[in-house]
Amino acid sequence: MIAGRAILGVSLLACSACATAQEPTSGTAPPMVVVSESEVMVREAPPHGAIGMSTAYRISDAAPQPRTMEFRRRVLDVGAAIGEHPISHDEVYYVTEGEGVVISDGVEAALKPGMAAYLYEGAVVGMRQTGDAPLSIIIAYPVAAK
């Protein structure tokens, strides 16, 4: 098992039910939610241009509102890409498997497993799969203010 995949499996697949709420032990925090990525998996074209195909794991969508962050995984098929788009918040793309190129305001950088790109609010960003195997990335960013 690939190291990044193993970490994800330990942290997210600890429970067989998707979005299982646990009883709180403190008085103020909502109960935790344990999410199985197999329950939130969707095959679809990547966002921002529908370039190729991918598998999306909308992990944080299983947590009830209000929440303050998004946490997702996306696996880009060979030749697929998240098209360039402006972001209104900071984002992190973390590679767990495969190889890719991240773009921020026209500057490109190659990423491989264990590497992350921290992308800043106001930048125009994108990501494309390179190499012979699919590209698996974790994407984290704050929820947009209402």
N, C-alpha and C. Protein backbone atom coordinates (compact mmCIF):
# COMPACT_ATOMS: atom_id res chain seq x y z
N MET A 1 0.85 -1.18 0.00
CA MET A 1 0.00 0.00 0.00
C MET A 1 0.89 1.24 0.00
N ILE A 2 0.60 2.21 -0.82
CA ILE A 2 1.34 3.46 -0.89
C ILE A 2 1.18 4.20 0.44
N ALA A 3 2.26 4.84 0.93
CA ALA A 3 2.26 5.48 2.24
C ALA A 3 1.13 6.48 2.39
N GLY A 4 0.96 7.38 1.43
CA GLY A 4 -0.11 8.38 1.53
C GLY A 4 -1.48 7.73 1.58
N ARG A 5 -1.67 6.70 0.83
CA ARG A 5 -2.94 5.98 0.81
C ARG A 5 -3.16 5.29 2.15
N ALA A 6 -2.07 4.77 2.75
CA ALA A 6 -2.19 4.10 4.04
C ALA A 6 -2.61 5.10 5.11
N ILE A 7 -2.02 6.27 5.11
CA ILE A 7 -2.39 7.30 6.09
C ILE A 7 -3.85 7.67 5.92
N LEU A 8 -4.30 7.88 4.70
CA LEU A 8 -5.69 8.21 4.45
C LEU A 8 -6.59 7.08 4.91
N GLY A 9 -6.19 5.86 4.64
CA GLY A 9 -7.00 4.72 5.04
C GLY A 9 -7.14 4.62 6.55
N VAL A 10 -6.05 4.85 7.28
CA VAL A 10 -6.11 4.79 8.73
C VAL A 10 -6.99 5.89 9.29
N SER A 11 -6.85 7.10 8.78
CA SER A 11 -7.58 8.22 9.35
C SER A 11 -9.03 8.29 8.91
N LEU A 12 -9.38 7.80 7.72
CA LEU A 12 -10.72 7.98 7.22
C LEU A 12 -11.55 6.71 7.14
N LEU A 13 -10.90 5.58 7.15
CA LEU A 13 -11.65 4.34 7.01
C LEU A 13 -11.75 3.59 8.32
N ALA A 14 -11.64 4.32 9.43
CA ALA A 14 -11.70 3.69 10.74
C ALA A 14 -13.08 3.14 11.05
N CYS A 15 -14.07 3.54 10.30
CA CYS A 15 -15.43 3.12 10.55
C CYS A 15 -16.06 2.68 9.23
N SER A 16 -16.87 1.64 9.26
CA SER A 16 -17.46 1.15 8.02
C SER A 16 -18.63 2.00 7.56
N ALA A 17 -19.21 2.81 8.42
CA ALA A 17 -20.35 3.66 8.03
C ALA A 17 -19.86 5.06 7.69
N CYS A 18 -20.47 5.64 6.68
CA CYS A 18 -20.11 6.99 6.27
C CYS A 18 -20.76 7.99 7.21
N ALA A 19 -20.04 9.01 7.58
CA ALA A 19 -20.55 10.11 8.39
C ALA A 19 -21.19 9.62 9.68
N THR A 20 -20.46 8.79 10.40
CA THR A 20 -20.94 8.29 11.67
C THR A 20 -20.63 9.30 12.76
N ALA A 21 -21.62 9.85 13.39
CA ALA A 21 -21.42 10.82 14.46
C ALA A 21 -21.15 10.07 15.77
N GLN A 22 -20.20 10.56 16.53
CA GLN A 22 -19.87 10.01 17.84
C GLN A 22 -20.37 10.96 18.91
N GLU A 23 -20.72 10.44 20.06
CA GLU A 23 -21.20 11.28 21.15
C GLU A 23 -20.07 12.19 21.63
N PRO A 24 -20.38 13.49 21.84
CA PRO A 24 -19.34 14.42 22.30
C PRO A 24 -18.96 14.13 23.75
N THR A 25 -17.69 14.39 24.08
CA THR A 25 -17.24 14.25 25.45
C THR A 25 -17.13 15.61 26.12
N SER A 26 -17.11 16.69 25.35
CA SER A 26 -17.11 18.03 25.91
C SER A 26 -18.47 18.66 25.61
N GLY A 27 -18.73 19.81 26.22
CA GLY A 27 -20.04 20.42 26.07
C GLY A 27 -20.21 21.32 24.87
N THR A 28 -19.15 21.75 24.18
CA THR A 28 -19.30 22.78 23.15
C THR A 28 -19.07 22.31 21.73
N ALA A 29 -18.25 21.35 21.51
CA ALA A 29 -17.92 20.92 20.15
C ALA A 29 -18.98 19.97 19.62
N PRO A 30 -19.28 20.06 18.30
CA PRO A 30 -20.18 19.06 17.72
C PRO A 30 -19.52 17.68 17.78
N PRO A 31 -20.30 16.63 17.67
CA PRO A 31 -19.70 15.30 17.67
C PRO A 31 -18.82 15.10 16.43
N MET A 32 -17.78 14.30 16.57
CA MET A 32 -16.92 14.04 15.42
C MET A 32 -17.69 13.25 14.37
N VAL A 33 -17.18 13.29 13.14
CA VAL A 33 -17.76 12.55 12.03
C VAL A 33 -16.65 11.70 11.43
N VAL A 34 -16.89 10.42 11.27
CA VAL A 34 -15.93 9.51 10.64
C VAL A 34 -16.49 9.17 9.27
N VAL A 35 -15.65 9.34 8.24
CA VAL A 35 -16.10 9.19 6.86
C VAL A 35 -15.31 8.09 6.16
N SER A 36 -16.01 7.20 5.51
CA SER A 36 -15.39 6.19 4.67
C SER A 36 -15.36 6.75 3.24
N GLU A 37 -14.19 6.87 2.67
CA GLU A 37 -14.11 7.46 1.33
C GLU A 37 -14.88 6.65 0.29
N SER A 38 -15.06 5.37 0.52
CA SER A 38 -15.82 4.56 -0.44
C SER A 38 -17.28 5.00 -0.50
N GLU A 39 -17.78 5.63 0.54
CA GLU A 39 -19.17 6.09 0.58
C GLU A 39 -19.37 7.46 -0.08
N VAL A 40 -18.28 8.19 -0.33
CA VAL A 40 -18.40 9.54 -0.92
C VAL A 40 -17.73 9.63 -2.29
N MET A 41 -17.40 8.50 -2.89
CA MET A 41 -16.69 8.43 -4.17
C MET A 41 -17.65 8.69 -5.33
N VAL A 42 -17.21 9.57 -6.27
CA VAL A 42 -18.01 9.89 -7.46
C VAL A 42 -17.07 9.95 -8.67
N ARG A 43 -17.43 9.26 -9.76
CA ARG A 43 -16.68 9.37 -11.03
C ARG A 43 -17.23 10.56 -11.79
N GLU A 44 -16.33 11.46 -12.21
CA GLU A 44 -16.77 12.66 -12.91
C GLU A 44 -15.59 13.32 -13.61
N ALA A 45 -15.92 14.22 -14.53
CA ALA A 45 -14.87 15.04 -15.13
C ALA A 45 -14.31 15.97 -14.06
N PRO A 46 -13.02 16.28 -14.11
CA PRO A 46 -12.45 17.21 -13.14
C PRO A 46 -13.08 18.61 -13.29
N PRO A 47 -13.02 19.40 -12.23
CA PRO A 47 -13.60 20.74 -12.29
C PRO A 47 -12.77 21.69 -13.16
N HIS A 48 -13.39 22.79 -13.52
CA HIS A 48 -12.72 23.89 -14.22
C HIS A 48 -12.21 23.48 -15.59
N GLY A 49 -13.09 22.92 -16.41
CA GLY A 49 -12.72 22.61 -17.78
C GLY A 49 -13.07 21.21 -18.23
N ALA A 50 -13.42 20.33 -17.32
CA ALA A 50 -13.79 18.95 -17.68
C ALA A 50 -12.77 18.31 -18.61
N ILE A 51 -11.49 18.36 -18.21
CA ILE A 51 -10.41 17.80 -19.01
C ILE A 51 -10.15 16.37 -18.55
N GLY A 52 -10.62 15.39 -19.32
CA GLY A 52 -10.45 13.99 -18.95
C GLY A 52 -11.46 13.55 -17.92
N MET A 53 -11.11 12.50 -17.17
CA MET A 53 -12.00 11.96 -16.13
C MET A 53 -11.23 11.81 -14.82
N SER A 54 -12.01 11.71 -13.74
CA SER A 54 -11.40 11.59 -12.42
C SER A 54 -12.37 10.90 -11.46
N THR A 55 -11.85 10.58 -10.29
CA THR A 55 -12.68 10.10 -9.20
C THR A 55 -12.55 11.12 -8.08
N ALA A 56 -13.69 11.63 -7.61
CA ALA A 56 -13.72 12.62 -6.54
C ALA A 56 -14.17 11.96 -5.25
N TYR A 57 -13.53 12.34 -4.17
CA TYR A 57 -13.90 11.89 -2.83
C TYR A 57 -14.18 13.15 -2.02
N ARG A 58 -15.45 13.53 -1.90
CA ARG A 58 -15.84 14.76 -1.21
C ARG A 58 -16.01 14.45 0.28
N ILE A 59 -14.91 14.25 0.93
CA ILE A 59 -14.89 13.75 2.30
C ILE A 59 -15.60 14.70 3.26
N SER A 60 -15.28 15.98 3.22
CA SER A 60 -15.88 16.91 4.17
C SER A 60 -17.36 17.14 3.92
N ASP A 61 -17.86 16.85 2.73
CA ASP A 61 -19.29 17.02 2.46
C ASP A 61 -20.15 16.15 3.38
N ALA A 62 -19.58 15.09 3.92
CA ALA A 62 -20.33 14.21 4.80
C ALA A 62 -20.48 14.80 6.21
N ALA A 63 -19.70 15.83 6.52
CA ALA A 63 -19.81 16.48 7.82
C ALA A 63 -20.92 17.52 7.76
N PRO A 64 -21.78 17.54 8.76
CA PRO A 64 -22.87 18.51 8.74
C PRO A 64 -22.36 19.94 8.89
N GLN A 65 -23.15 20.87 8.39
CA GLN A 65 -22.83 22.29 8.56
C GLN A 65 -23.20 22.68 9.99
N PRO A 66 -22.60 23.68 10.59
CA PRO A 66 -21.54 24.46 9.97
C PRO A 66 -20.19 23.76 10.11
N ARG A 67 -19.34 23.94 9.13
CA ARG A 67 -17.96 23.48 9.20
C ARG A 67 -17.11 24.58 8.58
N THR A 68 -15.83 24.61 8.88
CA THR A 68 -14.99 25.72 8.44
C THR A 68 -13.97 25.34 7.39
N MET A 69 -13.89 24.05 7.04
CA MET A 69 -12.90 23.66 6.04
C MET A 69 -13.44 22.58 5.10
N GLU A 70 -12.81 22.51 3.94
CA GLU A 70 -13.06 21.44 2.97
C GLU A 70 -11.84 20.55 2.95
N PHE A 71 -12.10 19.23 2.85
CA PHE A 71 -11.05 18.25 2.75
C PHE A 71 -11.51 17.23 1.73
N ARG A 72 -10.78 17.13 0.64
CA ARG A 72 -11.20 16.27 -0.48
C ARG A 72 -9.99 15.51 -1.03
N ARG A 73 -10.29 14.43 -1.74
CA ARG A 73 -9.27 13.73 -2.51
C ARG A 73 -9.80 13.63 -3.92
N ARG A 74 -8.91 13.77 -4.89
CA ARG A 74 -9.29 13.59 -6.29
C ARG A 74 -8.19 12.78 -6.95
N VAL A 75 -8.62 11.79 -7.75
CA VAL A 75 -7.67 10.99 -8.53
C VAL A 75 -7.92 11.34 -9.99
N LEU A 76 -6.92 11.97 -10.60
CA LEU A 76 -7.00 12.35 -12.01
C LEU A 76 -6.52 11.18 -12.86
N ASP A 77 -7.36 10.73 -13.78
CA ASP A 77 -6.97 9.69 -14.72
C ASP A 77 -5.81 10.20 -15.58
N VAL A 78 -5.13 9.27 -16.25
CA VAL A 78 -4.05 9.65 -17.17
C VAL A 78 -4.60 10.65 -18.19
N GLY A 79 -3.91 11.78 -18.33
CA GLY A 79 -4.30 12.83 -19.27
C GLY A 79 -5.29 13.85 -18.73
N ALA A 80 -5.78 13.67 -17.52
CA ALA A 80 -6.80 14.57 -16.95
C ALA A 80 -6.15 15.77 -16.27
N ALA A 81 -6.98 16.82 -16.07
CA ALA A 81 -6.47 18.04 -15.43
C ALA A 81 -7.60 18.80 -14.75
N ILE A 82 -7.24 19.47 -13.67
CA ILE A 82 -8.10 20.48 -13.05
C ILE A 82 -7.71 21.77 -13.77
N GLY A 83 -8.64 22.34 -14.52
CA GLY A 83 -8.34 23.52 -15.31
C GLY A 83 -7.96 24.73 -14.46
N GLU A 84 -7.23 25.64 -15.07
CA GLU A 84 -6.82 26.85 -14.36
C GLU A 84 -8.05 27.67 -13.98
N HIS A 85 -8.04 28.17 -12.74
CA HIS A 85 -9.16 28.94 -12.21
C HIS A 85 -8.66 29.84 -11.07
N PRO A 86 -9.30 30.98 -10.87
CA PRO A 86 -8.90 31.85 -9.75
C PRO A 86 -9.43 31.27 -8.44
N ILE A 87 -8.66 31.46 -7.36
CA ILE A 87 -9.13 31.00 -6.05
C ILE A 87 -9.31 32.20 -5.12
N SER A 88 -10.33 32.10 -4.28
CA SER A 88 -10.65 33.20 -3.37
C SER A 88 -10.27 32.87 -1.93
N HIS A 89 -9.37 31.90 -1.76
CA HIS A 89 -8.89 31.46 -0.46
C HIS A 89 -7.57 30.71 -0.70
N ASP A 90 -6.79 30.50 0.33
CA ASP A 90 -5.61 29.66 0.20
C ASP A 90 -6.07 28.21 0.03
N GLU A 91 -5.27 27.43 -0.71
CA GLU A 91 -5.54 26.00 -0.91
C GLU A 91 -4.23 25.23 -0.80
N VAL A 92 -4.33 23.97 -0.42
CA VAL A 92 -3.17 23.07 -0.43
C VAL A 92 -3.52 21.87 -1.29
N TYR A 93 -2.62 21.53 -2.23
CA TYR A 93 -2.71 20.30 -3.02
C TYR A 93 -1.56 19.41 -2.54
N TYR A 94 -1.89 18.22 -2.07
CA TYR A 94 -0.88 17.28 -1.56
C TYR A 94 -0.96 15.99 -2.37
N VAL A 95 0.16 15.57 -2.95
CA VAL A 95 0.19 14.39 -3.82
C VAL A 95 0.46 13.14 -2.98
N THR A 96 -0.44 12.13 -3.15
CA THR A 96 -0.24 10.85 -2.46
C THR A 96 0.23 9.76 -3.40
N GLU A 97 -0.13 9.85 -4.68
CA GLU A 97 0.29 8.85 -5.68
C GLU A 97 0.38 9.53 -7.04
N GLY A 98 1.25 9.02 -7.90
CA GLY A 98 1.37 9.53 -9.26
C GLY A 98 2.22 10.80 -9.33
N GLU A 99 2.20 11.40 -10.51
CA GLU A 99 2.97 12.62 -10.76
C GLU A 99 2.10 13.63 -11.46
N GLY A 100 2.40 14.90 -11.21
CA GLY A 100 1.62 15.95 -11.84
C GLY A 100 2.38 17.26 -11.88
N VAL A 101 1.73 18.24 -12.50
CA VAL A 101 2.27 19.59 -12.57
C VAL A 101 1.21 20.53 -12.04
N VAL A 102 1.59 21.35 -11.07
CA VAL A 102 0.70 22.37 -10.53
C VAL A 102 1.07 23.70 -11.18
N ILE A 103 0.06 24.53 -11.40
CA ILE A 103 0.26 25.84 -12.04
C ILE A 103 -0.31 26.90 -11.11
N SER A 104 0.43 27.97 -10.89
CA SER A 104 -0.05 29.11 -10.11
C SER A 104 0.43 30.37 -10.80
N ASP A 105 -0.53 31.15 -11.32
CA ASP A 105 -0.22 32.39 -12.04
C ASP A 105 0.84 32.19 -13.13
N GLY A 106 0.69 31.10 -13.88
CA GLY A 106 1.56 30.82 -15.02
C GLY A 106 2.86 30.13 -14.68
N VAL A 107 3.18 29.96 -13.41
CA VAL A 107 4.41 29.29 -12.99
C VAL A 107 4.07 27.83 -12.71
N GLU A 108 4.83 26.91 -13.31
CA GLU A 108 4.58 25.48 -13.16
C GLU A 108 5.63 24.83 -12.27
N ALA A 109 5.20 23.81 -11.52
CA ALA A 109 6.11 23.03 -10.70
C ALA A 109 5.68 21.57 -10.74
N ALA A 110 6.65 20.67 -10.91
CA ALA A 110 6.36 19.23 -10.91
C ALA A 110 6.20 18.75 -9.47
N LEU A 111 5.20 17.89 -9.25
CA LEU A 111 4.96 17.31 -7.93
C LEU A 111 4.92 15.80 -8.03
N LYS A 112 5.39 15.14 -6.99
CA LYS A 112 5.33 13.68 -6.88
C LYS A 112 4.90 13.34 -5.45
N PRO A 113 4.67 12.07 -5.15
CA PRO A 113 4.18 11.71 -3.81
C PRO A 113 5.03 12.30 -2.70
N GLY A 114 4.31 12.80 -1.69
CA GLY A 114 4.98 13.42 -0.55
C GLY A 114 5.23 14.90 -0.71
N MET A 115 4.86 15.47 -1.85
CA MET A 115 5.05 16.91 -2.08
C MET A 115 3.70 17.63 -2.04
N ALA A 116 3.75 18.88 -1.60
CA ALA A 116 2.53 19.70 -1.52
C ALA A 116 2.80 21.05 -2.16
N ALA A 117 1.75 21.64 -2.69
CA ALA A 117 1.81 23.02 -3.19
C ALA A 117 0.86 23.84 -2.35
N TYR A 118 1.36 24.91 -1.74
CA TYR A 118 0.52 25.85 -1.00
C TYR A 118 0.20 26.98 -1.96
N LEU A 119 -1.07 27.16 -2.24
CA LEU A 119 -1.52 28.13 -3.25
C LEU A 119 -2.26 29.26 -2.55
N TYR A 120 -2.03 30.49 -2.99
CA TYR A 120 -2.54 31.65 -2.28
C TYR A 120 -3.78 32.27 -2.90
N GLU A 121 -4.61 32.83 -2.03
CA GLU A 121 -5.80 33.58 -2.44
C GLU A 121 -5.44 34.58 -3.53
N GLY A 122 -6.26 34.64 -4.57
CA GLY A 122 -6.04 35.58 -5.67
C GLY A 122 -5.26 35.01 -6.84
N ALA A 123 -4.63 33.84 -6.66
CA ALA A 123 -3.86 33.22 -7.74
C ALA A 123 -4.81 32.50 -8.71
N VAL A 124 -4.33 32.29 -9.93
CA VAL A 124 -5.02 31.44 -10.91
C VAL A 124 -4.26 30.13 -10.92
N VAL A 125 -4.94 29.04 -10.51
CA VAL A 125 -4.25 27.77 -10.27
C VAL A 125 -4.89 26.63 -11.07
N GLY A 126 -4.14 25.56 -11.24
CA GLY A 126 -4.63 24.35 -11.89
C GLY A 126 -3.66 23.22 -11.61
N MET A 127 -4.03 22.00 -12.03
CA MET A 127 -3.19 20.83 -11.81
C MET A 127 -3.46 19.84 -12.93
N ARG A 128 -2.38 19.25 -13.47
CA ARG A 128 -2.57 18.23 -14.50
C ARG A 128 -1.75 17.00 -14.18
N GLN A 129 -2.32 15.86 -14.55
CA GLN A 129 -1.66 14.58 -14.37
C GLN A 129 -0.57 14.45 -15.41
N THR A 130 0.58 13.91 -15.01
CA THR A 130 1.66 13.57 -15.95
C THR A 130 2.10 12.14 -15.62
N GLY A 131 2.84 11.53 -16.49
CA GLY A 131 3.32 10.18 -16.21
C GLY A 131 2.36 9.11 -16.66
N ASP A 132 2.66 7.88 -16.26
CA ASP A 132 1.92 6.70 -16.71
C ASP A 132 0.80 6.26 -15.78
N ALA A 133 0.74 6.80 -14.57
CA ALA A 133 -0.26 6.36 -13.59
C ALA A 133 -1.16 7.52 -13.19
N PRO A 134 -2.36 7.23 -12.71
CA PRO A 134 -3.23 8.30 -12.23
C PRO A 134 -2.57 9.11 -11.12
N LEU A 135 -3.03 10.33 -10.96
CA LEU A 135 -2.51 11.27 -9.96
C LEU A 135 -3.53 11.41 -8.84
N SER A 136 -3.15 11.07 -7.61
CA SER A 136 -4.03 11.20 -6.45
C SER A 136 -3.57 12.38 -5.61
N ILE A 137 -4.49 13.32 -5.38
CA ILE A 137 -4.15 14.49 -4.57
C ILE A 137 -5.20 14.70 -3.48
N ILE A 138 -4.72 15.22 -2.36
CA ILE A 138 -5.59 15.71 -1.29
C ILE A 138 -5.67 17.21 -1.47
N ILE A 139 -6.88 17.76 -1.36
CA ILE A 139 -7.09 19.20 -1.51
C ILE A 139 -7.77 19.69 -0.24
N ALA A 140 -7.20 20.72 0.39
CA ALA A 140 -7.78 21.29 1.60
C ALA A 140 -7.85 22.81 1.45
N TYR A 141 -8.98 23.37 1.90
CA TYR A 141 -9.16 24.82 1.85
C TYR A 141 -10.31 25.22 2.77
N PRO A 142 -10.38 26.50 3.15
CA PRO A 142 -11.47 26.92 4.03
C PRO A 142 -12.79 27.02 3.28
N VAL A 143 -13.87 26.81 4.00
CA VAL A 143 -15.21 26.97 3.44
C VAL A 143 -15.43 28.46 3.17
N ALA A 144 -16.05 28.76 2.04
CA ALA A 144 -16.35 30.15 1.70
C ALA A 144 -17.30 30.74 2.74
N ALA A 145 -17.06 31.98 3.11
CA ALA A 145 -17.94 32.67 4.06
C ALA A 145 -19.32 32.85 3.45
N LYS A 146 -20.33 32.71 4.27
CA LYS A 146 -21.71 32.86 3.79
C LYS A 146 -22.12 34.31 3.80
